[in-house]
């Protein structure tokens, strides 16, 4: 399987992860919740995975909604 560069957004709580999922779907930002990759340590165990070109949109949506993250990463998945 070929790996591609993805944007991974880790969250400190499941509540933030679910809220981010809802907002991304509402804003039509493609992606999905995934188990946190083992290379990343985060509080809730969930991360939002999307294509790298949505990085600016993610920053905007998360900051407007005041959603805290444990980090935003670019990873080959």
PDB file of N, CA and C in Angstrom:
ATOM      1  N   UNK A   1       0.845  -1.180   0.000  1.00  0.00           N
ATOM      2  CA  UNK A   1       0.000   0.000   0.000  1.00  0.00           C
ATOM      3  C   UNK A   1       0.894   1.250   0.000  1.00  0.00           C
ATOM      4  N   UNK A   2       0.559   2.190  -0.859  1.00  0.00           N
ATOM      5  CA  UNK A   2       1.344   3.418  -1.004  1.00  0.00           C
ATOM      6  C   UNK A   2       0.959   4.423   0.083  1.00  0.00           C
ATOM      7  N   UNK A   3       1.944   4.982   0.771  1.00  0.00           N
ATOM      8  CA  UNK A   3       1.691   5.972   1.812  1.00  0.00           C
ATOM      9  C   UNK A   3       1.635   7.363   1.198  1.00  0.00           C
ATOM     10  N   UNK A   4       0.748   8.202   1.749  1.00  0.00           N
ATOM     11  CA  UNK A   4       0.633   9.585   1.298  1.00  0.00           C
ATOM     12  C   UNK A   4       0.724  10.506   2.507  1.00  0.00           C
ATOM     13  N   UNK A   5       1.133  11.733   2.255  1.00  0.00           N
ATOM     14  CA  UNK A   5       1.260  12.720   3.319  1.00  0.00           C
ATOM     15  C   UNK A   5      -0.127  13.168   3.763  1.00  0.00           C
ATOM     16  N   UNK A   6      -0.398  13.063   5.044  1.00  0.00           N
ATOM     17  CA  UNK A   6      -1.697  13.422   5.616  1.00  0.00           C
ATOM     18  C   UNK A   6      -1.498  14.419   6.752  1.00  0.00           C
ATOM     19  N   UNK A   7      -2.547  15.173   7.010  1.00  0.00           N
ATOM     20  CA  UNK A   7      -2.581  16.072   8.148  1.00  0.00           C
ATOM     21  C   UNK A   7      -3.295  15.345   9.283  1.00  0.00           C
ATOM     22  N   UNK A   8      -2.661  15.275  10.435  1.00  0.00           N
ATOM     23  CA  UNK A   8      -3.207  14.587  11.595  1.00  0.00           C
ATOM     24  C   UNK A   8      -3.377  15.605  12.716  1.00  0.00           C
ATOM     25  N   UNK A   9      -4.603  15.726  13.220  1.00  0.00           N
ATOM     26  CA  UNK A   9      -4.899  16.656  14.309  1.00  0.00           C
ATOM     27  C   UNK A   9      -5.265  15.828  15.537  1.00  0.00           C
ATOM     28  N   UNK A  10      -4.437  15.921  16.576  1.00  0.00           N
ATOM     29  CA  UNK A  10      -4.653  15.170  17.811  1.00  0.00           C
ATOM     30  C   UNK A  10      -5.386  16.052  18.828  1.00  0.00           C
ATOM     31  N   UNK A  11      -6.218  15.433  19.654  1.00  0.00           N
ATOM     32  CA  UNK A  11      -7.049  16.164  20.609  1.00  0.00           C
ATOM     33  C   UNK A  11      -6.825  15.676  22.037  1.00  0.00           C
ATOM     34  N   UNK A  12      -6.981  16.585  23.013  1.00  0.00           N
ATOM     35  CA  UNK A  12      -6.796  16.194  24.414  1.00  0.00           C
ATOM     36  C   UNK A  12      -7.994  15.441  24.995  1.00  0.00           C
ATOM     37  N   UNK A  13      -9.182  15.632  24.387  1.00  0.00           N
ATOM     38  CA  UNK A  13     -10.377  14.949  24.899  1.00  0.00           C
ATOM     39  C   UNK A  13     -11.225  14.429  23.737  1.00  0.00           C
ATOM     40  N   UNK A  14     -12.010  13.428  24.036  1.00  0.00           N
ATOM     41  CA  UNK A  14     -12.924  12.879  23.034  1.00  0.00           C
ATOM     42  C   UNK A  14     -13.971  13.927  22.630  1.00  0.00           C
ATOM     43  N   UNK A  15     -14.370  14.762  23.563  1.00  0.00           N
ATOM     44  CA  UNK A  15     -15.349  15.814  23.262  1.00  0.00           C
ATOM     45  C   UNK A  15     -14.833  16.738  22.169  1.00  0.00           C
ATOM     46  N   UNK A  16     -13.582  17.163  22.272  1.00  0.00           N
ATOM     47  CA  UNK A  16     -12.990  18.014  21.237  1.00  0.00           C
ATOM     48  C   UNK A  16     -12.900  17.272  19.901  1.00  0.00           C
ATOM     49  N   UNK A  17     -12.542  16.016  19.945  1.00  0.00           N
ATOM     50  CA  UNK A  17     -12.430  15.226  18.710  1.00  0.00           C
ATOM     51  C   UNK A  17     -13.784  15.129  18.007  1.00  0.00           C
ATOM     52  N   UNK A  18     -14.836  14.852  18.753  1.00  0.00           N
ATOM     53  CA  UNK A  18     -16.166  14.728  18.168  1.00  0.00           C
ATOM     54  C   UNK A  18     -16.696  16.070  17.678  1.00  0.00           C
ATOM     55  N   UNK A  19     -16.403  17.127  18.404  1.00  0.00           N
ATOM     56  CA  UNK A  19     -16.820  18.463  17.975  1.00  0.00           C
ATOM     57  C   UNK A  19     -16.102  18.850  16.675  1.00  0.00           C
ATOM     58  N   UNK A  20     -14.816  18.541  16.597  1.00  0.00           N
ATOM     59  CA  UNK A  20     -14.046  18.828  15.383  1.00  0.00           C
ATOM     60  C   UNK A  20     -14.599  18.025  14.202  1.00  0.00           C
ATOM     61  N   UNK A  21     -14.936  16.762  14.437  1.00  0.00           N
ATOM     62  CA  UNK A  21     -15.514  15.939  13.373  1.00  0.00           C
ATOM     63  C   UNK A  21     -16.811  16.572  12.860  1.00  0.00           C
ATOM     64  N   UNK A  22     -17.667  16.988  13.763  1.00  0.00           N
ATOM     65  CA  UNK A  22     -18.930  17.614  13.390  1.00  0.00           C
ATOM     66  C   UNK A  22     -18.682  18.881  12.558  1.00  0.00           C
ATOM     67  N   UNK A  23     -17.773  19.743  13.026  1.00  0.00           N
ATOM     68  CA  UNK A  23     -17.490  20.994  12.321  1.00  0.00           C
ATOM     69  C   UNK A  23     -16.860  20.756  10.955  1.00  0.00           C
ATOM     70  N   UNK A  24     -15.975  19.786  10.861  1.00  0.00           N
ATOM     71  CA  UNK A  24     -15.343  19.484   9.572  1.00  0.00           C
ATOM     72  C   UNK A  24     -16.375  18.992   8.564  1.00  0.00           C
ATOM     73  N   UNK A  25     -17.269  18.147   9.004  1.00  0.00           N
ATOM     74  CA  UNK A  25     -18.320  17.663   8.101  1.00  0.00           C
ATOM     75  C   UNK A  25     -19.244  18.805   7.698  1.00  0.00           C
ATOM     76  N   UNK A  26     -19.548  19.685   8.646  1.00  0.00           N
ATOM     77  CA  UNK A  26     -20.399  20.831   8.372  1.00  0.00           C
ATOM     78  C   UNK A  26     -19.741  21.785   7.360  1.00  0.00           C
ATOM     79  N   UNK A  27     -18.418  21.955   7.459  1.00  0.00           N
ATOM     80  CA  UNK A  27     -17.666  22.834   6.564  1.00  0.00           C
ATOM     81  C   UNK A  27     -17.182  22.109   5.305  1.00  0.00           C
ATOM     82  N   UNK A  28     -17.556  20.838   5.188  1.00  0.00           N
ATOM     83  CA  UNK A  28     -17.186  20.008   4.032  1.00  0.00           C
ATOM     84  C   UNK A  28     -15.667  19.842   3.871  1.00  0.00           C
ATOM     85  N   UNK A  29     -14.987  19.707   5.013  1.00  0.00           N
ATOM     86  CA  UNK A  29     -13.565  19.378   5.012  1.00  0.00           C
ATOM     87  C   UNK A  29     -13.481  17.855   5.070  1.00  0.00           C
ATOM     88  N   UNK A  30     -13.000  17.229   4.010  1.00  0.00           N
ATOM     89  CA  UNK A  30     -12.981  15.757   4.003  1.00  0.00           C
ATOM     90  C   UNK A  30     -12.007  15.207   5.046  1.00  0.00           C
ATOM     91  N   UNK A  31     -12.327  14.043   5.530  1.00  0.00           N
ATOM     92  CA  UNK A  31     -11.458  13.382   6.505  1.00  0.00           C
ATOM     93  C   UNK A  31     -12.273  12.452   7.370  1.00  0.00           C
ATOM     94  N   UNK A  32     -11.595  11.941   8.407  1.00  0.00           N
ATOM     95  CA  UNK A  32     -12.275  11.028   9.330  1.00  0.00           C
ATOM     96  C   UNK A  32     -11.501  10.943  10.630  1.00  0.00           C
ATOM     97  N   UNK A  33     -12.198  10.523  11.672  1.00  0.00           N
ATOM     98  CA  UNK A  33     -11.525  10.256  12.939  1.00  0.00           C
ATOM     99  C   UNK A  33     -10.818   8.916  12.834  1.00  0.00           C
ATOM    100  N   UNK A  34      -9.600   8.894  13.336  1.00  0.00           N
ATOM    101  CA  UNK A  34      -8.800   7.662  13.332  1.00  0.00           C
ATOM    102  C   UNK A  34      -8.213   7.455  14.721  1.00  0.00           C
ATOM    103  N   UNK A  35      -7.830   6.226  15.045  1.00  0.00           N
ATOM    104  CA  UNK A  35      -7.059   6.025  16.278  1.00  0.00           C
ATOM    105  C   UNK A  35      -5.739   6.789  16.144  1.00  0.00           C
ATOM    106  N   UNK A  36      -5.294   7.368  17.214  1.00  0.00           N
ATOM    107  CA  UNK A  36      -4.069   8.172  17.177  1.00  0.00           C
ATOM    108  C   UNK A  36      -2.890   7.286  16.734  1.00  0.00           C
ATOM    109  N   UNK A  37      -2.118   7.726  15.750  1.00  0.00           N
ATOM    110  CA  UNK A  37      -0.945   6.938  15.346  1.00  0.00           C
ATOM    111  C   UNK A  37       0.024   6.780  16.529  1.00  0.00           C
ATOM    112  N   UNK A  38       0.672   5.673  16.619  1.00  0.00           N
ATOM    113  CA  UNK A  38       1.530   5.390  17.776  1.00  0.00           C
ATOM    114  C   UNK A  38       2.719   6.338  17.889  1.00  0.00           C
ATOM    115  N   UNK A  39       3.075   7.013  16.797  1.00  0.00           N
ATOM    116  CA  UNK A  39       4.178   7.978  16.838  1.00  0.00           C
ATOM    117  C   UNK A  39       3.795   9.247  17.599  1.00  0.00           C
ATOM    118  N   UNK A  40       2.503   9.438  17.849  1.00  0.00           N
ATOM    119  CA  UNK A  40       1.991  10.636  18.510  1.00  0.00           C
ATOM    120  C   UNK A  40       1.396  10.242  19.851  1.00  0.00           C
ATOM    121  N   UNK A  41       1.629  11.063  20.855  1.00  0.00           N
ATOM    122  CA  UNK A  41       1.014  10.848  22.159  1.00  0.00           C
ATOM    123  C   UNK A  41      -0.048  11.922  22.357  1.00  0.00           C
ATOM    124  N   UNK A  42      -1.280  11.496  22.637  1.00  0.00           N
ATOM    125  CA  UNK A  42      -2.363  12.456  22.843  1.00  0.00           C
ATOM    126  C   UNK A  42      -3.316  11.938  23.898  1.00  0.00           C
ATOM    127  N   UNK A  43      -4.076  12.852  24.466  1.00  0.00           N
ATOM    128  CA  UNK A  43      -4.950  12.535  25.589  1.00  0.00           C
ATOM    129  C   UNK A  43      -6.070  11.567  25.312  1.00  0.00           C
ATOM    130  N   UNK A  44      -6.806  11.748  24.214  1.00  0.00           N
ATOM    131  CA  UNK A  44      -8.033  10.965  24.064  1.00  0.00           C
ATOM    132  C   UNK A  44      -7.883   9.725  23.189  1.00  0.00           C
ATOM    133  N   UNK A  45      -6.846   9.651  22.390  1.00  0.00           N
ATOM    134  CA  UNK A  45      -6.671   8.480  21.537  1.00  0.00           C
ATOM    135  C   UNK A  45      -7.277   8.615  20.157  1.00  0.00           C
ATOM    136  N   UNK A  46      -7.908   9.764  19.853  1.00  0.00           N
ATOM    137  CA  UNK A  46      -8.480  10.007  18.532  1.00  0.00           C
ATOM    138  C   UNK A  46      -7.797  11.177  17.853  1.00  0.00           C
ATOM    139  N   UNK A  47      -7.769  11.119  16.522  1.00  0.00           N
ATOM    140  CA  UNK A  47      -7.209  12.207  15.727  1.00  0.00           C
ATOM    141  C   UNK A  47      -8.044  12.361  14.467  1.00  0.00           C
ATOM    142  N   UNK A  48      -8.068  13.568  13.929  1.00  0.00           N
ATOM    143  CA  UNK A  48      -8.729  13.828  12.658  1.00  0.00           C
ATOM    144  C   UNK A  48      -7.677  13.704  11.573  1.00  0.00           C
ATOM    145  N   UNK A  49      -7.956  12.937  10.553  1.00  0.00           N
ATOM    146  CA  UNK A  49      -7.032  12.713   9.444  1.00  0.00           C
ATOM    147  C   UNK A  49      -7.650  13.303   8.181  1.00  0.00           C
ATOM    148  N   UNK A  50      -6.894  14.168   7.512  1.00  0.00           N
ATOM    149  CA  UNK A  50      -7.357  14.780   6.281  1.00  0.00           C
ATOM    150  C   UNK A  50      -6.168  14.994   5.353  1.00  0.00           C
ATOM    151  N   UNK A  51      -6.455  15.417   4.144  1.00  0.00           N
ATOM    152  CA  UNK A  51      -5.384  15.702   3.198  1.00  0.00           C
ATOM    153  C   UNK A  51      -4.652  16.978   3.606  1.00  0.00           C
ATOM    154  N   UNK A  52      -3.400  17.046   3.293  1.00  0.00           N
ATOM    155  CA  UNK A  52      -2.527  18.131   3.717  1.00  0.00           C
ATOM    156  C   UNK A  52      -2.992  19.495   3.209  1.00  0.00           C
ATOM    157  N   UNK A  53      -3.668  19.523   2.064  1.00  0.00           N
ATOM    158  CA  UNK A  53      -4.097  20.817   1.507  1.00  0.00           C
ATOM    159  C   UNK A  53      -5.194  21.491   2.325  1.00  0.00           C
ATOM    160  N   UNK A  54      -5.746  20.807   3.314  1.00  0.00           N
ATOM    161  CA  UNK A  54      -6.791  21.381   4.159  1.00  0.00           C
ATOM    162  C   UNK A  54      -6.242  21.971   5.458  1.00  0.00           C
ATOM    163  N   UNK A  55      -4.936  22.131   5.535  1.00  0.00           N
ATOM    164  CA  UNK A  55      -4.295  22.608   6.766  1.00  0.00           C
ATOM    165  C   UNK A  55      -4.815  23.985   7.189  1.00  0.00           C
ATOM    166  N   UNK A  56      -4.876  24.935   6.278  1.00  0.00           N
ATOM    167  CA  UNK A  56      -5.341  26.282   6.618  1.00  0.00           C
ATOM    168  C   UNK A  56      -6.798  26.277   7.057  1.00  0.00           C
ATOM    169  N   UNK A  57      -7.628  25.510   6.365  1.00  0.00           N
ATOM    170  CA  UNK A  57      -9.050  25.406   6.748  1.00  0.00           C
ATOM    171  C   UNK A  57      -9.187  24.823   8.146  1.00  0.00           C
ATOM    172  N   UNK A  58      -8.395  23.814   8.455  1.00  0.00           N
ATOM    173  CA  UNK A  58      -8.452  23.192   9.776  1.00  0.00           C
ATOM    174  C   UNK A  58      -8.085  24.192  10.856  1.00  0.00           C
ATOM    175  N   UNK A  59      -7.005  24.939  10.654  1.00  0.00           N
ATOM    176  CA  UNK A  59      -6.595  25.949  11.635  1.00  0.00           C
ATOM    177  C   UNK A  59      -7.721  26.954  11.868  1.00  0.00           C
ATOM    178  N   UNK A  60      -8.354  27.400  10.797  1.00  0.00           N
ATOM    179  CA  UNK A  60      -9.430  28.391  10.894  1.00  0.00           C
ATOM    180  C   UNK A  60     -10.627  27.835  11.658  1.00  0.00           C
ATOM    181  N   UNK A  61     -11.091  26.657  11.271  1.00  0.00           N
ATOM    182  CA  UNK A  61     -12.261  26.043  11.911  1.00  0.00           C
ATOM    183  C   UNK A  61     -12.005  25.790  13.394  1.00  0.00           C
ATOM    184  N   UNK A  62     -10.846  25.244  13.710  1.00  0.00           N
ATOM    185  CA  UNK A  62     -10.535  24.918  15.102  1.00  0.00           C
ATOM    186  C   UNK A  62     -10.396  26.166  15.960  1.00  0.00           C
ATOM    187  N   UNK A  63      -9.740  27.198  15.432  1.00  0.00           N
ATOM    188  CA  UNK A  63      -9.557  28.413  16.229  1.00  0.00           C
ATOM    189  C   UNK A  63     -10.880  29.152  16.413  1.00  0.00           C
ATOM    190  N   UNK A  64     -11.718  29.204  15.397  1.00  0.00           N
ATOM    191  CA  UNK A  64     -13.024  29.869  15.526  1.00  0.00           C
ATOM    192  C   UNK A  64     -13.916  29.170  16.544  1.00  0.00           C
ATOM    193  N   UNK A  65     -13.817  27.862  16.614  1.00  0.00           N
ATOM    194  CA  UNK A  65     -14.629  27.086  17.553  1.00  0.00           C
ATOM    195  C   UNK A  65     -13.943  26.930  18.911  1.00  0.00           C
ATOM    196  N   UNK A  66     -12.755  27.485  19.056  1.00  0.00           N
ATOM    197  CA  UNK A  66     -11.966  27.398  20.288  1.00  0.00           C
ATOM    198  C   UNK A  66     -11.737  25.950  20.720  1.00  0.00           C
ATOM    199  N   UNK A  67     -11.404  25.119  19.735  1.00  0.00           N
ATOM    200  CA  UNK A  67     -11.091  23.713  20.002  1.00  0.00           C
ATOM    201  C   UNK A  67      -9.589  23.588  20.224  1.00  0.00           C
ATOM    202  N   UNK A  68      -9.228  23.067  21.372  1.00  0.00           N
ATOM    203  CA  UNK A  68      -7.833  22.853  21.728  1.00  0.00           C
ATOM    204  C   UNK A  68      -7.334  21.559  21.096  1.00  0.00           C
ATOM    205  N   UNK A  69      -6.099  21.561  20.622  1.00  0.00           N
ATOM    206  CA  UNK A  69      -5.490  20.350  20.075  1.00  0.00           C
ATOM    207  C   UNK A  69      -4.268  19.967  20.896  1.00  0.00           C
ATOM    208  N   UNK A  70      -3.872  18.721  20.757  1.00  0.00           N
ATOM    209  CA  UNK A  70      -2.605  18.264  21.334  1.00  0.00           C
ATOM    210  C   UNK A  70      -1.487  18.381  20.312  1.00  0.00           C
ATOM    211  N   UNK A  71      -1.832  18.817  19.119  1.00  0.00           N
ATOM    212  CA  UNK A  71      -0.839  19.006  18.068  1.00  0.00           C
ATOM    213  C   UNK A  71      -1.417  18.732  16.703  1.00  0.00           C
ATOM    214  N   UNK A  72      -0.791  19.382  15.705  1.00  0.00           N
ATOM    215  CA  UNK A  72      -1.157  19.161  14.313  1.00  0.00           C
ATOM    216  C   UNK A  72       0.105  18.688  13.600  1.00  0.00           C
ATOM    217  N   UNK A  73       0.007  17.529  12.963  1.00  0.00           N
ATOM    218  CA  UNK A  73       1.176  16.863  12.412  1.00  0.00           C
ATOM    219  C   UNK A  73       0.989  16.557  10.923  1.00  0.00           C
ATOM    220  N   UNK A  74       2.091  16.479  10.226  1.00  0.00           N
ATOM    221  CA  UNK A  74       2.109  16.002   8.845  1.00  0.00           C
ATOM    222  C   UNK A  74       2.817  14.661   8.884  1.00  0.00           C
ATOM    223  N   UNK A  75       2.111  13.622   8.449  1.00  0.00           N
ATOM    224  CA  UNK A  75       2.662  12.270   8.542  1.00  0.00           C
ATOM    225  C   UNK A  75       2.355  11.468   7.284  1.00  0.00           C
ATOM    226  N   UNK A  76       3.238  10.544   6.979  1.00  0.00           N
ATOM    227  CA  UNK A  76       2.984   9.585   5.907  1.00  0.00           C
ATOM    228  C   UNK A  76       2.136   8.451   6.477  1.00  0.00           C
ATOM    229  N   UNK A  77       0.957   8.287   5.901  1.00  0.00           N
ATOM    230  CA  UNK A  77       0.062   7.188   6.328  1.00  0.00           C
ATOM    231  C   UNK A  77      -0.404   6.424   5.113  1.00  0.00           C
TER     232      UNK A  77
END
